[in-house]
């Protein structure tokens, strides 16, 4: 659907231009597919311009309407609180100056969202060790220290009308298992990875939800 919305009009235009060039060139046997043997092909096509040009215009208009409808549906979903939570990840340093990955999740969905597990993958795995959880600037008790990726006591309330979306910030130590993507002159190793946040949206039904964010993790080369 998204592919058609983005490229449909261009593809339709390219096809019509290719057909027109084929007709003008008079190349056989393509010419016999579009024109009779005893008629001037270009003249007949030009006389029918209003017909096939209207068809192209209708085709382009159709895709424009499809994009407009899709945008309206996204807007309605946002207003009703039917959107997925957002996730952002950045690399920073902790209180002891060690490098950490700070994972921020914002729940704009009307349903509560619980976070259970974090993992990071490139070509090799990067172990994430969550060690602090804050929800709406308040610390939450976390009893899974040292367990790879495990997050406990992290439930974000659903967004209510007139109130700000609930935000969770999870700070993680990280430990690469493979070679870095690059090492600069100062000895900093850089790992380009994707962080996957596994959780559930709660309501009449519990719906699994996986959020994905890209990040560059930086640490001193081992």
N, C-alpha and C. Protein backbone atom coordinates (compact mmCIF):
# COMPACT_ATOMS: atom_id res chain seq x y z
N UNK A 1 0.82 -1.19 0.00
CA UNK A 1 0.00 0.00 0.00
C UNK A 1 0.87 1.25 0.00
N UNK A 2 1.85 1.31 0.91
CA UNK A 2 2.73 2.47 0.97
C UNK A 2 3.55 2.61 -0.30
N UNK A 3 3.95 1.48 -0.88
CA UNK A 3 4.71 1.53 -2.13
C UNK A 3 3.89 2.13 -3.25
N UNK A 4 2.62 1.74 -3.35
CA UNK A 4 1.75 2.30 -4.37
C UNK A 4 1.50 3.79 -4.14
N UNK A 5 1.32 4.18 -2.89
CA UNK A 5 1.09 5.59 -2.58
C UNK A 5 2.27 6.44 -3.01
N UNK A 6 3.45 5.91 -2.85
CA UNK A 6 4.66 6.71 -3.11
C UNK A 6 5.03 6.74 -4.58
N UNK A 7 4.90 5.59 -5.25
CA UNK A 7 5.41 5.47 -6.62
C UNK A 7 4.34 5.24 -7.67
N UNK A 8 3.08 5.07 -7.27
CA UNK A 8 2.03 4.73 -8.23
C UNK A 8 1.89 5.72 -9.35
N UNK A 9 1.83 7.02 -9.03
CA UNK A 9 1.64 8.05 -10.05
C UNK A 9 2.83 8.10 -11.00
N UNK A 10 4.04 7.98 -10.47
CA UNK A 10 5.24 8.02 -11.32
C UNK A 10 5.29 6.81 -12.25
N UNK A 11 4.94 5.64 -11.72
CA UNK A 11 4.94 4.44 -12.56
C UNK A 11 3.91 4.55 -13.67
N UNK A 12 2.71 5.05 -13.33
CA UNK A 12 1.67 5.21 -14.35
C UNK A 12 2.12 6.18 -15.43
N UNK A 13 2.72 7.30 -15.04
CA UNK A 13 3.20 8.26 -16.02
C UNK A 13 4.28 7.69 -16.90
N UNK A 14 5.21 6.92 -16.30
CA UNK A 14 6.29 6.31 -17.07
C UNK A 14 5.75 5.31 -18.09
N UNK A 15 4.73 4.54 -17.70
CA UNK A 15 4.14 3.57 -18.62
C UNK A 15 3.49 4.28 -19.81
N UNK A 16 2.75 5.36 -19.54
CA UNK A 16 2.08 6.08 -20.63
C UNK A 16 3.09 6.73 -21.57
N UNK A 17 4.18 7.27 -21.01
CA UNK A 17 5.22 7.86 -21.86
C UNK A 17 5.89 6.80 -22.71
N UNK A 18 6.15 5.63 -22.12
CA UNK A 18 6.78 4.54 -22.87
C UNK A 18 5.86 4.08 -24.01
N UNK A 19 4.56 3.99 -23.73
CA UNK A 19 3.62 3.60 -24.78
C UNK A 19 3.59 4.63 -25.91
N UNK A 20 3.60 5.91 -25.55
CA UNK A 20 3.58 6.96 -26.56
C UNK A 20 4.83 6.92 -27.42
N UNK A 21 6.00 6.73 -26.78
CA UNK A 21 7.24 6.66 -27.54
C UNK A 21 7.27 5.45 -28.46
N UNK A 22 6.69 4.35 -27.99
CA UNK A 22 6.62 3.15 -28.82
C UNK A 22 5.77 3.39 -30.06
N UNK A 23 4.65 4.08 -29.88
CA UNK A 23 3.77 4.37 -31.00
C UNK A 23 4.43 5.31 -32.00
N UNK A 24 5.05 6.37 -31.46
CA UNK A 24 5.70 7.35 -32.34
C UNK A 24 6.82 6.71 -33.14
N UNK A 25 7.58 5.81 -32.52
CA UNK A 25 8.71 5.20 -33.21
C UNK A 25 8.28 4.31 -34.36
N UNK A 26 7.08 3.78 -34.30
CA UNK A 26 6.61 2.89 -35.37
C UNK A 26 7.30 1.55 -35.35
N UNK A 27 7.88 1.18 -34.24
CA UNK A 27 8.63 -0.07 -34.14
C UNK A 27 7.69 -1.27 -34.22
N UNK A 28 8.04 -2.22 -35.05
CA UNK A 28 7.27 -3.45 -35.19
C UNK A 28 7.91 -4.53 -34.32
N UNK A 29 7.15 -5.45 -33.70
CA UNK A 29 5.69 -5.60 -33.84
C UNK A 29 4.89 -4.79 -32.82
N UNK A 30 5.57 -3.94 -32.00
CA UNK A 30 4.83 -3.20 -30.98
C UNK A 30 3.77 -2.31 -31.61
N UNK A 31 4.06 -1.78 -32.82
CA UNK A 31 3.11 -0.87 -33.47
C UNK A 31 1.77 -1.55 -33.71
N UNK A 32 1.76 -2.81 -34.09
CA UNK A 32 0.52 -3.52 -34.41
C UNK A 32 -0.34 -3.75 -33.17
N UNK A 33 0.25 -3.62 -32.00
CA UNK A 33 -0.51 -3.80 -30.77
C UNK A 33 -1.39 -2.58 -30.48
N UNK A 34 -1.01 -1.41 -31.00
CA UNK A 34 -1.72 -0.18 -30.67
C UNK A 34 -2.41 0.46 -31.87
N UNK A 35 -2.05 0.10 -33.11
CA UNK A 35 -2.59 0.76 -34.29
C UNK A 35 -2.90 -0.26 -35.39
N UNK A 36 -3.85 0.12 -36.24
CA UNK A 36 -4.15 -0.70 -37.42
C UNK A 36 -3.09 -0.48 -38.48
N UNK A 37 -2.96 -1.45 -39.34
CA UNK A 37 -1.90 -1.38 -40.36
C UNK A 37 -2.13 -0.25 -41.37
N UNK A 38 -3.40 0.13 -41.66
CA UNK A 38 -3.70 1.11 -42.70
C UNK A 38 -3.99 2.51 -42.14
N UNK A 39 -3.58 2.80 -40.90
CA UNK A 39 -3.85 4.12 -40.36
C UNK A 39 -2.56 4.79 -39.90
N UNK A 40 -2.59 6.11 -39.82
CA UNK A 40 -1.45 6.88 -39.32
C UNK A 40 -1.51 6.84 -37.80
N UNK A 41 -0.60 6.08 -37.22
CA UNK A 41 -0.70 5.75 -35.80
C UNK A 41 -0.65 6.99 -34.91
N UNK A 42 0.34 7.85 -35.13
CA UNK A 42 0.51 9.02 -34.28
C UNK A 42 -0.72 9.92 -34.36
N UNK A 43 -1.27 10.11 -35.57
CA UNK A 43 -2.44 10.96 -35.73
C UNK A 43 -3.63 10.42 -34.95
N UNK A 44 -3.85 9.10 -34.99
CA UNK A 44 -4.98 8.51 -34.30
C UNK A 44 -4.83 8.64 -32.78
N UNK A 45 -3.61 8.47 -32.32
CA UNK A 45 -3.39 8.59 -30.88
C UNK A 45 -3.56 10.03 -30.41
N UNK A 46 -3.08 10.97 -31.23
CA UNK A 46 -3.24 12.36 -30.84
C UNK A 46 -4.71 12.77 -30.85
N UNK A 47 -5.48 12.21 -31.75
CA UNK A 47 -6.90 12.53 -31.80
C UNK A 47 -7.65 11.95 -30.60
N UNK A 48 -7.06 10.93 -30.00
CA UNK A 48 -7.68 10.31 -28.81
C UNK A 48 -7.05 10.80 -27.51
N UNK A 49 -6.34 11.92 -27.60
CA UNK A 49 -5.62 12.44 -26.43
C UNK A 49 -6.52 12.62 -25.22
N UNK A 50 -7.71 13.19 -25.45
CA UNK A 50 -8.58 13.48 -24.32
C UNK A 50 -8.94 12.22 -23.56
N UNK A 51 -9.08 11.10 -24.25
CA UNK A 51 -9.46 9.86 -23.60
C UNK A 51 -8.37 9.29 -22.71
N UNK A 52 -7.18 9.04 -23.30
CA UNK A 52 -6.16 8.41 -22.48
C UNK A 52 -5.52 9.39 -21.50
N UNK A 53 -5.53 10.70 -21.84
CA UNK A 53 -5.02 11.68 -20.88
C UNK A 53 -5.94 11.74 -19.66
N UNK A 54 -7.25 11.65 -19.89
CA UNK A 54 -8.20 11.63 -18.77
C UNK A 54 -8.00 10.40 -17.90
N UNK A 55 -7.67 9.28 -18.55
CA UNK A 55 -7.43 8.06 -17.79
C UNK A 55 -6.21 8.21 -16.90
N UNK A 56 -5.13 8.81 -17.43
CA UNK A 56 -3.93 9.04 -16.63
C UNK A 56 -4.24 9.98 -15.47
N UNK A 57 -5.00 11.07 -15.78
CA UNK A 57 -5.35 12.03 -14.74
C UNK A 57 -6.18 11.37 -13.64
N UNK A 58 -7.11 10.49 -14.04
CA UNK A 58 -7.93 9.79 -13.05
C UNK A 58 -7.08 8.87 -12.20
N UNK A 59 -6.10 8.22 -12.83
CA UNK A 59 -5.21 7.31 -12.11
C UNK A 59 -4.39 8.07 -11.07
N UNK A 60 -3.83 9.22 -11.48
CA UNK A 60 -3.04 10.04 -10.57
C UNK A 60 -3.92 10.56 -9.43
N UNK A 61 -5.14 11.00 -9.78
CA UNK A 61 -6.06 11.51 -8.75
C UNK A 61 -6.43 10.43 -7.75
N UNK A 62 -6.59 9.20 -8.24
CA UNK A 62 -6.92 8.09 -7.35
C UNK A 62 -5.85 7.91 -6.29
N UNK A 63 -4.58 7.94 -6.69
CA UNK A 63 -3.51 7.74 -5.73
C UNK A 63 -3.39 8.93 -4.78
N UNK A 64 -3.68 10.14 -5.29
CA UNK A 64 -3.67 11.31 -4.41
C UNK A 64 -4.75 11.17 -3.34
N UNK A 65 -5.92 10.68 -3.74
CA UNK A 65 -7.00 10.47 -2.77
C UNK A 65 -6.64 9.38 -1.77
N UNK A 66 -5.98 8.33 -2.24
CA UNK A 66 -5.56 7.25 -1.34
C UNK A 66 -4.59 7.78 -0.29
N UNK A 67 -3.66 8.63 -0.69
CA UNK A 67 -2.71 9.21 0.26
C UNK A 67 -3.42 10.11 1.25
N UNK A 68 -4.40 10.87 0.76
CA UNK A 68 -5.15 11.77 1.64
C UNK A 68 -5.95 10.97 2.67
N UNK A 69 -6.58 9.88 2.21
CA UNK A 69 -7.35 9.04 3.12
C UNK A 69 -6.44 8.39 4.16
N UNK A 70 -5.25 7.92 3.72
CA UNK A 70 -4.31 7.31 4.67
C UNK A 70 -3.85 8.32 5.71
N UNK A 71 -3.61 9.58 5.27
CA UNK A 71 -3.20 10.63 6.22
C UNK A 71 -4.32 10.92 7.22
N UNK A 72 -5.57 10.95 6.74
CA UNK A 72 -6.69 11.18 7.64
C UNK A 72 -6.85 10.04 8.64
N UNK A 73 -6.63 8.81 8.18
CA UNK A 73 -6.74 7.66 9.09
C UNK A 73 -5.67 7.74 10.17
N UNK A 74 -4.43 8.15 9.79
CA UNK A 74 -3.37 8.29 10.79
C UNK A 74 -3.72 9.37 11.80
N UNK A 75 -4.31 10.47 11.31
CA UNK A 75 -4.69 11.57 12.22
C UNK A 75 -5.78 11.12 13.18
N UNK A 76 -6.76 10.38 12.67
CA UNK A 76 -7.84 9.88 13.53
C UNK A 76 -7.29 8.90 14.57
N UNK A 77 -6.39 8.00 14.13
CA UNK A 77 -5.78 7.05 15.06
C UNK A 77 -5.03 7.80 16.17
N UNK A 78 -4.35 8.88 15.80
CA UNK A 78 -3.61 9.65 16.79
C UNK A 78 -4.58 10.30 17.78
N UNK A 79 -5.69 10.84 17.28
CA UNK A 79 -6.67 11.49 18.15
C UNK A 79 -7.35 10.49 19.07
N UNK A 80 -7.58 9.27 18.58
CA UNK A 80 -8.24 8.25 19.38
C UNK A 80 -7.28 7.49 20.29
N UNK A 81 -5.98 7.74 20.12
CA UNK A 81 -5.00 7.05 20.93
C UNK A 81 -4.76 5.63 20.49
N UNK A 82 -4.79 5.39 19.17
CA UNK A 82 -4.55 4.05 18.64
C UNK A 82 -3.18 3.91 17.99
N UNK A 83 -2.24 4.77 18.37
CA UNK A 83 -0.91 4.74 17.79
C UNK A 83 0.03 3.95 18.69
N UNK A 84 1.11 3.41 18.08
CA UNK A 84 2.11 2.70 18.86
C UNK A 84 2.90 3.69 19.72
N UNK A 85 3.39 3.26 20.87
CA UNK A 85 4.29 4.12 21.65
C UNK A 85 5.54 4.44 20.83
N UNK A 86 6.16 5.58 21.13
CA UNK A 86 7.40 5.99 20.47
C UNK A 86 8.59 5.53 21.30
N UNK A 87 9.71 5.27 20.60
CA UNK A 87 10.94 4.87 21.28
C UNK A 87 12.11 5.66 20.71
N UNK A 88 12.97 6.13 21.61
CA UNK A 88 14.20 6.83 21.24
C UNK A 88 15.33 6.26 22.09
N UNK A 89 16.50 6.13 21.49
CA UNK A 89 17.66 5.61 22.22
C UNK A 89 18.86 6.50 21.94
N UNK A 90 19.60 6.84 22.97
CA UNK A 90 20.83 7.60 22.78
C UNK A 90 21.90 7.05 23.70
N UNK A 91 23.14 7.28 23.31
CA UNK A 91 24.29 6.83 24.10
C UNK A 91 24.79 8.01 24.92
N UNK A 92 25.01 7.77 26.21
CA UNK A 92 25.51 8.83 27.09
C UNK A 92 26.40 8.17 28.14
N UNK A 93 26.68 8.88 29.24
CA UNK A 93 27.50 8.30 30.31
C UNK A 93 26.71 8.32 31.60
N UNK A 94 26.98 7.32 32.44
CA UNK A 94 26.30 7.22 33.71
C UNK A 94 26.98 8.03 34.79
N UNK A 95 26.53 7.86 36.02
CA UNK A 95 27.08 8.61 37.14
C UNK A 95 28.55 8.28 37.37
N UNK A 96 28.98 7.05 37.05
CA UNK A 96 30.38 6.68 37.22
C UNK A 96 31.18 6.90 35.95
N UNK A 97 30.63 7.68 35.01
CA UNK A 97 31.27 8.03 33.73
C UNK A 97 31.40 6.84 32.78
N UNK A 98 30.74 5.73 33.07
CA UNK A 98 30.75 4.59 32.15
C UNK A 98 29.69 4.81 31.08
N UNK A 99 29.91 4.30 29.87
CA UNK A 99 28.93 4.50 28.80
C UNK A 99 27.65 3.73 29.06
N UNK A 100 26.52 4.34 28.79
CA UNK A 100 25.23 3.69 28.96
C UNK A 100 24.34 4.01 27.76
N UNK A 101 23.36 3.14 27.54
CA UNK A 101 22.31 3.38 26.54
C UNK A 101 21.06 3.81 27.28
N UNK A 102 20.56 5.00 26.92
CA UNK A 102 19.37 5.52 27.59
C UNK A 102 18.19 5.34 26.64
N UNK A 103 17.24 4.49 27.04
CA UNK A 103 16.08 4.15 26.22
C UNK A 103 14.87 4.93 26.74
N UNK A 104 14.26 5.72 25.85
CA UNK A 104 13.09 6.52 26.23
C UNK A 104 11.88 6.03 25.45
N UNK A 105 10.81 5.70 26.16
CA UNK A 105 9.56 5.25 25.54
C UNK A 105 8.45 6.21 25.95
N UNK A 106 7.71 6.72 24.97
CA UNK A 106 6.59 7.63 25.22
C UNK A 106 5.31 6.94 24.77
N UNK A 107 4.38 6.78 25.71
CA UNK A 107 3.14 6.07 25.40
C UNK A 107 2.01 7.06 25.09
N UNK A 108 1.74 7.24 23.79
CA UNK A 108 0.62 8.09 23.36
C UNK A 108 -0.63 7.27 23.05
N UNK A 109 -0.54 5.98 23.31
CA UNK A 109 -1.70 5.11 23.13
C UNK A 109 -2.65 5.27 24.31
N UNK A 110 -3.95 5.08 24.06
CA UNK A 110 -4.94 5.21 25.13
C UNK A 110 -4.88 4.05 26.11
N UNK A 111 -4.19 2.97 25.72
CA UNK A 111 -4.10 1.80 26.59
C UNK A 111 -2.76 1.78 27.32
N UNK A 112 -2.70 1.22 28.52
CA UNK A 112 -1.43 1.09 29.23
C UNK A 112 -0.46 0.20 28.46
N UNK A 113 0.83 0.50 28.60
CA UNK A 113 1.87 -0.25 27.90
C UNK A 113 2.90 -0.71 28.91
N UNK A 114 3.10 -2.03 28.97
CA UNK A 114 4.10 -2.58 29.88
C UNK A 114 5.33 -3.02 29.10
N UNK A 115 6.52 -2.75 29.65
CA UNK A 115 7.79 -3.08 29.01
C UNK A 115 8.41 -4.25 29.75
N UNK A 116 8.82 -5.27 28.98
CA UNK A 116 9.31 -6.50 29.60
C UNK A 116 10.77 -6.79 29.29
N UNK A 117 11.22 -6.43 28.08
CA UNK A 117 12.54 -6.91 27.67
C UNK A 117 13.14 -5.97 26.62
N UNK A 118 14.45 -5.76 26.71
CA UNK A 118 15.19 -4.96 25.73
C UNK A 118 16.32 -5.80 25.16
N UNK A 119 16.55 -5.67 23.85
CA UNK A 119 17.67 -6.36 23.23
C UNK A 119 18.19 -5.51 22.08
N UNK A 120 19.48 -5.70 21.76
CA UNK A 120 20.12 -4.93 20.69
C UNK A 120 20.87 -5.89 19.77
N UNK A 121 20.70 -5.67 18.47
CA UNK A 121 21.35 -6.53 17.49
C UNK A 121 21.95 -5.71 16.36
N UNK A 122 23.15 -6.10 15.97
CA UNK A 122 23.74 -5.69 14.68
C UNK A 122 24.04 -7.02 14.00
N UNK A 123 25.21 -7.15 13.38
CA UNK A 123 25.62 -8.47 12.91
C UNK A 123 25.86 -9.38 14.11
N UNK A 124 26.31 -8.78 15.22
CA UNK A 124 26.49 -9.51 16.47
C UNK A 124 25.56 -8.90 17.53
N UNK A 125 25.38 -9.63 18.58
CA UNK A 125 24.51 -9.16 19.65
C UNK A 125 25.26 -8.20 20.56
N UNK A 126 24.52 -7.23 21.10
CA UNK A 126 25.04 -6.36 22.14
C UNK A 126 24.16 -6.56 23.37
N UNK A 127 24.76 -7.01 24.46
CA UNK A 127 23.99 -7.27 25.67
C UNK A 127 23.63 -5.95 26.35
N UNK A 128 22.36 -5.80 26.69
CA UNK A 128 21.88 -4.65 27.44
C UNK A 128 21.54 -5.09 28.87
N UNK A 129 22.00 -4.32 29.85
CA UNK A 129 21.74 -4.63 31.26
C UNK A 129 20.99 -3.44 31.88
N UNK A 130 19.65 -3.46 31.89
CA UNK A 130 18.90 -2.35 32.51
C UNK A 130 19.23 -2.25 34.00
N UNK A 131 19.54 -1.03 34.47
CA UNK A 131 19.86 -0.88 35.89
C UNK A 131 19.05 0.23 36.57
N UNK A 132 18.30 1.03 35.80
CA UNK A 132 17.41 1.99 36.44
C UNK A 132 16.21 2.24 35.55
N UNK A 133 15.06 2.43 36.18
CA UNK A 133 13.80 2.67 35.47
C UNK A 133 13.13 3.90 36.09
N UNK A 134 12.79 4.87 35.24
CA UNK A 134 12.07 6.05 35.70
C UNK A 134 10.82 6.22 34.84
N UNK A 135 9.69 6.47 35.48
CA UNK A 135 8.45 6.74 34.76
C UNK A 135 7.93 8.10 35.21
N UNK A 136 7.80 8.99 34.24
CA UNK A 136 7.34 10.36 34.52
C UNK A 136 8.17 11.00 35.64
N UNK A 137 9.51 10.87 35.48
CA UNK A 137 10.48 11.49 36.39
C UNK A 137 10.50 10.86 37.78
N UNK A 138 9.88 9.72 37.95
CA UNK A 138 9.90 9.06 39.25
C UNK A 138 10.61 7.71 39.13
N UNK A 139 11.52 7.44 40.06
CA UNK A 139 12.25 6.17 40.05
C UNK A 139 11.31 5.03 40.40
N UNK A 140 11.50 3.91 39.71
CA UNK A 140 10.75 2.69 39.99
C UNK A 140 11.71 1.61 40.48
N UNK A 141 11.21 0.81 41.40
CA UNK A 141 12.04 -0.28 41.92
C UNK A 141 12.29 -1.29 40.81
N UNK A 142 13.57 -1.64 40.62
CA UNK A 142 13.95 -2.59 39.57
C UNK A 142 14.74 -3.72 40.23
N UNK A 143 14.21 -4.94 40.16
CA UNK A 143 14.82 -6.06 40.88
C UNK A 143 15.46 -7.08 39.95
N UNK A 144 15.83 -6.66 38.74
CA UNK A 144 16.43 -7.61 37.79
C UNK A 144 17.83 -7.18 37.39
N UNK A 145 18.59 -6.59 38.32
CA UNK A 145 19.95 -6.15 38.04
C UNK A 145 20.80 -7.33 37.59
N UNK A 146 21.59 -7.13 36.54
CA UNK A 146 22.49 -8.17 36.07
C UNK A 146 21.87 -9.15 35.10
N UNK A 147 20.55 -9.09 34.92
CA UNK A 147 19.89 -9.97 33.96
C UNK A 147 19.82 -9.28 32.59
N UNK A 148 20.28 -9.98 31.58
CA UNK A 148 20.37 -9.38 30.25
C UNK A 148 18.98 -9.01 29.73
N UNK A 149 18.80 -7.73 29.48
CA UNK A 149 17.60 -7.23 28.82
C UNK A 149 16.34 -7.17 29.65
N UNK A 150 16.30 -7.75 30.84
CA UNK A 150 15.05 -7.87 31.58
C UNK A 150 14.68 -6.55 32.25
N UNK A 151 13.41 -6.16 32.09
CA UNK A 151 12.89 -4.94 32.69
C UNK A 151 11.70 -5.32 33.57
N UNK A 152 11.68 -4.81 34.80
CA UNK A 152 10.57 -5.10 35.71
C UNK A 152 9.96 -3.79 36.21
N UNK A 153 8.70 -3.89 36.64
CA UNK A 153 7.99 -2.77 37.25
C UNK A 153 7.96 -1.55 36.32
N UNK A 154 7.65 -1.79 35.07
CA UNK A 154 7.64 -0.69 34.10
C UNK A 154 6.33 -0.71 33.31
N UNK A 155 5.31 -0.06 33.86
CA UNK A 155 4.00 0.04 33.22
C UNK A 155 3.68 1.51 32.98
N UNK A 156 3.48 1.89 31.73
CA UNK A 156 3.15 3.27 31.39
C UNK A 156 1.64 3.40 31.25
N UNK A 157 1.02 4.30 32.00
CA UNK A 157 -0.43 4.49 31.85
C UNK A 157 -0.80 4.94 30.44
N UNK A 158 -2.03 4.65 30.04
CA UNK A 158 -2.51 5.13 28.75
C UNK A 158 -2.73 6.64 28.76
N UNK A 159 -2.64 7.24 27.59
CA UNK A 159 -2.80 8.69 27.49
C UNK A 159 -4.27 9.06 27.62
N UNK A 160 -4.56 10.02 28.49
CA UNK A 160 -5.91 10.53 28.67
C UNK A 160 -6.02 11.92 28.07
N UNK A 161 -7.23 12.29 27.63
CA UNK A 161 -7.45 13.60 27.03
C UNK A 161 -7.02 14.71 27.98
N UNK A 162 -6.27 15.65 27.43
CA UNK A 162 -5.85 16.81 28.23
C UNK A 162 -4.63 16.56 29.08
N UNK A 163 -4.09 15.36 29.07
CA UNK A 163 -2.91 15.06 29.88
C UNK A 163 -1.74 14.68 28.98
N UNK A 164 -0.55 14.95 29.49
CA UNK A 164 0.66 14.61 28.73
C UNK A 164 0.83 13.09 28.68
N UNK A 165 1.49 12.63 27.61
CA UNK A 165 1.76 11.20 27.48
C UNK A 165 2.76 10.77 28.54
N UNK A 166 2.61 9.54 29.02
CA UNK A 166 3.51 9.00 30.03
C UNK A 166 4.83 8.59 29.39
N UNK A 167 5.94 8.83 30.10
CA UNK A 167 7.28 8.57 29.55
C UNK A 167 8.09 7.71 30.50
N UNK A 168 8.72 6.68 29.94
CA UNK A 168 9.64 5.84 30.70
C UNK A 168 11.06 6.04 30.18
N UNK A 169 12.01 6.12 31.10
CA UNK A 169 13.43 6.22 30.73
C UNK A 169 14.15 5.06 31.41
N UNK A 170 14.73 4.18 30.59
CA UNK A 170 15.43 3.01 31.10
C UNK A 170 16.91 3.15 30.75
N UNK A 171 17.76 3.16 31.75
CA UNK A 171 19.20 3.30 31.55
C UNK A 171 19.85 1.92 31.60
N UNK A 172 20.66 1.63 30.59
CA UNK A 172 21.24 0.29 30.47
C UNK A 172 22.76 0.36 30.28
N UNK A 173 23.50 -0.45 31.03
CA UNK A 173 24.88 -0.73 30.66
C UNK A 173 24.84 -1.64 29.43
N UNK A 174 25.90 -1.61 28.63
CA UNK A 174 25.91 -2.49 27.46
C UNK A 174 27.27 -3.15 27.30
N UNK A 175 27.22 -4.33 26.69
CA UNK A 175 28.42 -5.16 26.52
C UNK A 175 28.41 -5.79 25.13
N UNK A 176 29.24 -5.31 24.20
CA UNK A 176 29.27 -5.88 22.84
C UNK A 176 29.85 -7.30 22.84
N UNK A 177 29.34 -8.13 21.95
CA UNK A 177 29.87 -9.48 21.80
C UNK A 177 30.68 -9.64 20.52
N UNK A 178 30.69 -8.62 19.68
CA UNK A 178 31.43 -8.70 18.42
C UNK A 178 32.31 -7.48 18.23
N UNK A 179 32.90 -7.37 17.05
CA UNK A 179 33.78 -6.26 16.72
C UNK A 179 32.97 -5.00 16.42
N UNK A 180 33.52 -3.82 16.71
CA UNK A 180 32.80 -2.57 16.41
C UNK A 180 32.74 -2.30 14.92
N UNK A 181 31.83 -1.41 14.55
CA UNK A 181 31.75 -0.99 13.14
C UNK A 181 32.94 -0.13 12.76
N UNK A 182 33.44 0.64 13.74
CA UNK A 182 34.61 1.48 13.47
C UNK A 182 35.26 1.86 14.79
N UNK A 183 36.57 2.22 14.70
CA UNK A 183 37.32 2.72 15.85
C UNK A 183 38.04 3.97 15.40
N UNK A 184 37.82 5.10 16.08
CA UNK A 184 38.44 6.35 15.64
C UNK A 184 39.82 6.52 16.27
N UNK A 185 40.48 7.63 15.94
CA UNK A 185 41.87 7.86 16.37
C UNK A 185 41.99 7.98 17.89
N UNK A 186 40.92 8.37 18.55
CA UNK A 186 40.97 8.52 20.01
C UNK A 186 40.69 7.21 20.74
N UNK A 187 40.48 6.13 19.97
CA UNK A 187 40.26 4.82 20.59
C UNK A 187 38.82 4.53 20.93
N UNK A 188 37.88 5.33 20.42
CA UNK A 188 36.46 5.10 20.68
C UNK A 188 35.90 4.11 19.67
N UNK A 189 35.32 3.04 20.17
CA UNK A 189 34.69 2.03 19.32
C UNK A 189 33.23 2.38 19.14
N UNK A 190 32.75 2.30 17.90
CA UNK A 190 31.37 2.67 17.59
C UNK A 190 30.61 1.45 17.07
N UNK A 191 29.45 1.25 17.66
CA UNK A 191 28.59 0.13 17.29
C UNK A 191 27.25 0.68 16.81
N UNK A 192 26.91 0.44 15.55
CA UNK A 192 25.62 0.87 15.01
C UNK A 192 24.65 -0.30 15.15
N UNK A 193 23.60 -0.08 15.90
CA UNK A 193 22.72 -1.20 16.24
C UNK A 193 21.26 -0.76 16.28
N UNK A 194 20.39 -1.75 16.36
CA UNK A 194 18.96 -1.52 16.55
C UNK A 194 18.57 -2.07 17.91
N UNK A 195 17.79 -1.28 18.64
CA UNK A 195 17.29 -1.70 19.94
C UNK A 195 15.83 -2.10 19.80
N UNK A 196 15.50 -3.29 20.29
CA UNK A 196 14.13 -3.81 20.24
C UNK A 196 13.55 -3.79 21.65
N UNK A 197 12.40 -3.15 21.78
CA UNK A 197 11.70 -3.09 23.07
C UNK A 197 10.46 -3.98 22.98
N UNK A 198 10.44 -5.02 23.79
CA UNK A 198 9.32 -5.97 23.78
C UNK A 198 8.38 -5.64 24.94
N UNK A 199 7.10 -5.50 24.61
CA UNK A 199 6.12 -5.18 25.64
C UNK A 199 4.72 -5.59 25.23
N UNK A 200 3.72 -5.09 25.96
CA UNK A 200 2.32 -5.42 25.69
C UNK A 200 1.45 -4.20 25.91
N UNK A 201 0.46 -4.04 25.03
CA UNK A 201 -0.60 -3.06 25.21
C UNK A 201 -1.77 -3.75 25.90
N UNK A 202 -2.26 -3.15 26.98
CA UNK A 202 -3.30 -3.78 27.78
C UNK A 202 -4.65 -3.12 27.53
N UNK A 203 -5.68 -3.93 27.53
CA UNK A 203 -7.05 -3.46 27.33
C UNK A 203 -7.98 -4.64 27.43
N UNK A 204 -9.00 -4.66 26.57
CA UNK A 204 -9.87 -5.82 26.53
C UNK A 204 -9.08 -7.06 26.13
N UNK A 205 -8.07 -6.84 25.27
CA UNK A 205 -7.15 -7.90 24.89
C UNK A 205 -5.73 -7.42 25.12
N UNK A 206 -4.86 -8.34 25.48
CA UNK A 206 -3.44 -8.03 25.63
C UNK A 206 -2.77 -8.24 24.28
N UNK A 207 -2.17 -7.17 23.75
CA UNK A 207 -1.58 -7.22 22.41
C UNK A 207 -0.07 -7.05 22.51
N UNK A 208 0.72 -8.06 22.07
CA UNK A 208 2.18 -7.90 22.06
C UNK A 208 2.59 -6.74 21.15
N UNK A 209 3.63 -6.03 21.54
CA UNK A 209 4.08 -4.87 20.77
C UNK A 209 5.60 -4.81 20.84
N UNK A 210 6.25 -4.65 19.68
CA UNK A 210 7.70 -4.53 19.61
C UNK A 210 8.05 -3.18 18.99
N UNK A 211 8.80 -2.37 19.72
CA UNK A 211 9.24 -1.07 19.24
C UNK A 211 10.71 -1.17 18.84
N UNK A 212 11.09 -0.42 17.79
CA UNK A 212 12.45 -0.52 17.26
C UNK A 212 13.04 0.87 17.10
N UNK A 213 14.29 1.04 17.51
CA UNK A 213 14.99 2.31 17.34
C UNK A 213 16.45 2.02 16.98
N UNK A 214 17.03 2.88 16.16
CA UNK A 214 18.44 2.76 15.79
C UNK A 214 19.28 3.68 16.67
N UNK A 215 20.50 3.25 16.95
CA UNK A 215 21.37 4.06 17.81
C UNK A 215 22.82 3.72 17.52
N UNK A 216 23.70 4.66 17.79
CA UNK A 216 25.15 4.42 17.75
C UNK A 216 25.66 4.39 19.18
N UNK A 217 26.16 3.23 19.61
CA UNK A 217 26.71 3.08 20.94
C UNK A 217 28.22 3.24 20.87
N UNK A 218 28.76 4.03 21.81
CA UNK A 218 30.18 4.37 21.78
C UNK A 218 30.82 4.00 23.11
N UNK A 219 32.00 3.38 23.02
CA UNK A 219 32.75 3.04 24.23
C UNK A 219 34.23 2.96 23.87
N UNK A 220 35.09 2.96 24.89
CA UNK A 220 36.51 2.82 24.64
C UNK A 220 36.80 1.43 24.06
N UNK A 221 37.66 1.40 23.08
CA UNK A 221 37.99 0.13 22.43
C UNK A 221 38.61 -0.83 23.42
N UNK A 222 38.13 -2.08 23.37
CA UNK A 222 38.63 -3.08 24.32
C UNK A 222 39.98 -3.62 23.89
